[in-house]
Protein backbone atom coordinates (compact mmCIF):
# COMPACT_ATOMS: atom_id res chain seq x y z
CA MET A 1 -0.39 -0.42 0.24
CA GLN A 2 1.43 3.63 -0.48
CA PRO A 3 0.25 6.64 1.12
CA ALA A 4 -1.39 8.82 -1.05
CA ALA A 5 0.01 11.51 0.05
CA VAL A 6 2.88 12.86 2.56
CA PRO A 7 1.66 15.88 4.94
CA SER A 8 3.53 18.75 4.60
CA GLY A 9 7.67 19.56 6.09
CA VAL A 10 8.52 15.72 5.65
CA GLU A 11 10.09 13.46 4.35
CA PHE A 12 10.96 9.51 3.64
CA GLY A 13 14.36 9.14 6.08
CA GLY A 14 13.09 11.98 8.02
CA LYS A 15 14.79 16.01 6.50
CA ARG A 16 12.60 19.02 6.09
CA ALA A 17 11.17 19.31 2.49
CA ASP A 18 8.55 22.27 3.67
CA PRO A 19 11.34 25.74 3.46
CA PHE A 20 9.76 27.43 5.96
CA LEU A 21 11.15 25.09 8.29
CA GLN A 22 14.26 24.70 6.96
CA LEU A 23 14.61 28.62 6.96
CA MET A 24 13.23 28.01 10.88
CA ASP A 25 16.72 25.68 11.51
CA ARG A 26 19.28 27.68 9.13
CA LEU A 27 18.44 30.90 11.42
CA LYS A 28 18.60 29.02 14.48
CA GLY A 29 22.27 27.13 13.29
CA LEU A 30 24.51 30.85 12.38
CA LEU A 31 22.86 32.80 15.59
CA GLY A 32 23.71 29.95 17.50
CA GLY A 33 26.69 31.43 18.06
CA ARG A 34 25.52 34.48 18.86
CA ALA A 35 23.29 32.82 22.25
CA ALA A 36 26.53 30.46 23.00
CA GLU A 37 28.51 33.68 23.61
CA GLU A 38 24.96 35.27 25.86
CA VAL A 39 24.20 31.70 27.35
CA ILE A 40 28.07 31.30 28.19
CA PHE A 41 29.24 34.39 28.91
CA GLY A 42 26.26 36.78 29.71
CA GLU A 43 26.97 39.46 26.84
CA VAL A 44 27.28 39.14 23.52
CA SER A 45 30.41 40.39 21.55
CA THR A 46 31.64 41.74 17.50
CA GLY A 47 32.73 37.94 16.86
CA ALA A 48 28.65 37.16 15.34
CA GLU A 49 29.07 39.92 13.02
CA ASN A 50 28.94 36.79 9.78
CA ASP A 51 26.89 34.70 11.07
CA LEU A 52 24.55 38.01 11.54
CA GLN A 53 25.16 38.61 7.83
CA GLN A 54 24.14 35.92 6.53
CA ALA A 55 20.93 35.08 8.26
CA THR A 56 19.69 38.84 7.50
CA SER A 57 20.34 38.14 3.50
CA LEU A 58 17.90 35.59 4.92
CA ALA A 59 15.13 38.24 5.10
CA PRO A 60 14.52 37.07 1.57
CA LEU A 61 13.32 34.06 2.14
CA ALA A 62 11.10 35.21 5.98
CA ARG A 63 9.55 38.22 3.28
CA ARG A 64 8.40 35.36 1.59
CA ALA A 65 6.89 33.28 4.16
CA VAL A 66 5.26 36.45 5.29
CA CYS A 67 4.40 37.09 2.35
CA GLN A 68 3.35 34.24 -0.39
CA TRP A 69 3.39 30.93 2.27
CA GLY A 70 0.58 33.07 5.27
CA MET A 71 3.44 32.54 7.62
CA GLY A 72 3.00 35.83 10.13
CA GLU A 73 0.77 36.82 12.19
CA SER A 74 -0.88 40.00 12.19
CA VAL A 75 -0.74 39.58 8.09
CA GLY A 76 -2.79 36.19 7.54
CA LEU A 77 -3.49 34.37 5.38
CA MET A 78 -3.33 37.44 3.06
CA HIS A 79 -0.97 36.63 -0.35
CA CYS A 80 0.73 39.62 -0.76
CA ALA A 81 3.23 39.77 -2.69
CA GLN A 82 3.80 38.61 -6.48
CA PRO A 83 7.67 38.10 -7.63
CA ARG A 84 9.22 40.21 -9.55
CA PRO A 85 12.01 39.86 -12.83
CA ALA A 86 15.26 40.53 -12.84
CA LEU A 87 14.97 44.32 -15.24
CA LEU A 88 18.45 45.27 -14.20
CA PRO A 89 22.30 43.69 -13.73
CA GLY A 90 22.86 42.39 -11.73
CA GLU A 91 19.34 42.85 -10.02
CA ALA A 92 18.59 39.29 -8.06
CA PRO A 93 16.13 37.37 -8.85
CA GLY A 94 12.80 36.29 -7.24
CA SER A 95 12.83 40.20 -5.29
CA LEU A 96 9.04 40.96 -4.25
CA GLN A 97 7.10 43.28 -5.77
CA ARG A 98 4.78 45.20 -3.08
CA ASP A 99 1.33 44.38 -3.64
CA CYS A 100 -0.17 46.43 -0.20
CA SER A 101 -0.33 48.81 1.67
CA GLU A 102 2.33 51.27 3.38
CA ASP A 103 0.16 49.21 6.66
CA THR A 104 1.08 46.27 5.78
CA ALA A 105 4.49 46.89 4.11
CA ARG A 106 5.11 48.10 8.24
CA ALA A 107 3.49 44.86 9.38
CA ILE A 108 5.36 42.58 7.42
CA ASP A 109 8.91 44.12 8.39
CA GLU A 110 7.41 43.29 11.38
CA GLU A 111 7.08 40.00 10.79
CA VAL A 112 10.30 39.36 8.98
CA ARG A 113 11.29 40.15 12.90
CA ALA A 114 9.21 38.07 13.86
CA ILE A 115 11.37 35.54 12.69
CA LEU A 116 14.74 35.75 13.62
CA ASP A 117 13.83 37.29 17.27
CA ASP A 118 11.97 33.17 17.24
CA ALA A 119 14.65 32.02 15.65
CA TYR A 120 17.08 33.30 17.85
CA ALA A 121 15.00 33.00 20.85
CA ALA A 122 15.06 29.24 19.88
CA ALA A 123 17.85 28.92 19.63
CA ARG A 124 18.99 30.19 23.08
CA ALA A 125 16.63 27.52 24.74
CA LEU A 126 17.35 24.76 22.92
CA LEU A 127 21.78 25.97 24.36
CA ASP A 128 19.92 27.10 27.94
CA GLY A 129 18.17 23.71 27.62
CA ASN A 130 21.33 21.88 27.06
CA ARG A 131 24.16 24.02 29.28
CA ASP A 132 26.54 21.56 30.15
CA GLU A 133 26.97 20.40 26.62
CA LEU A 134 27.80 23.47 25.10
CA GLU A 135 30.18 24.32 28.67
CA ARG A 136 32.16 21.45 26.87
CA VAL A 137 32.14 22.31 23.21
CA ALA A 138 33.27 26.30 24.52
CA GLU A 139 35.79 24.09 26.52
CA ALA A 140 37.22 22.44 23.93
CA LEU A 141 36.96 25.37 21.33
CA LEU A 142 39.14 27.11 23.95
CA THR A 143 42.94 24.92 22.81
CA ARG A 144 40.43 23.73 19.13
CA GLU A 145 40.02 26.56 17.10
CA THR A 146 38.07 23.86 15.30
CA LEU A 147 36.25 20.28 15.83
CA GLY A 148 35.74 17.77 12.93
CA GLU A 149 32.69 15.83 13.32
CA GLN A 150 33.84 13.14 14.56
CA GLU A 151 35.05 15.62 17.75
CA PHE A 152 32.15 16.95 18.80
CA LEU A 153 29.95 13.91 18.32
CA ALA A 154 31.90 12.69 21.01
CA LEU A 155 32.38 16.22 23.26
CA LEU A 156 28.02 14.68 23.23
CA GLY A 157 28.30 11.89 23.63
CA ARG A 158 26.68 10.58 20.33
CA GLU A 159 27.50 8.15 17.17
CA ALA A 160 27.53 9.71 13.78
């Protein structure tokens, strides 16, 4: 017997197929370094600049989630942007043409920021809940600048 449908966000083999869940996972990974600094040291440094830059570069995908996939609470289920073809040299393909009022555009900006904030909070909660493992990894990184997958998993008491 073959299933008639696979639930959205689930692929055979356990991988996430839903683009929004992939976005959130990626954002949590990018913002995890800054969150780890806050958990361990109680403050953040400029060290996460590149991670913040990369997370912010995903904002267009977060905007798409809000405008086209209905992933924003204040915007709701309204489809309020259309894909815009790249018209000028160097213009990124896939940018969105706004199809809404100034107030809705402001709400979209707030929703995009909320997505980034939610990803940061989730990364922080994950690290807070696994503080012992975080401290073991942080201690190892103080003596070695990088860890391979096997070393990392061994510190966590897991196998590859």
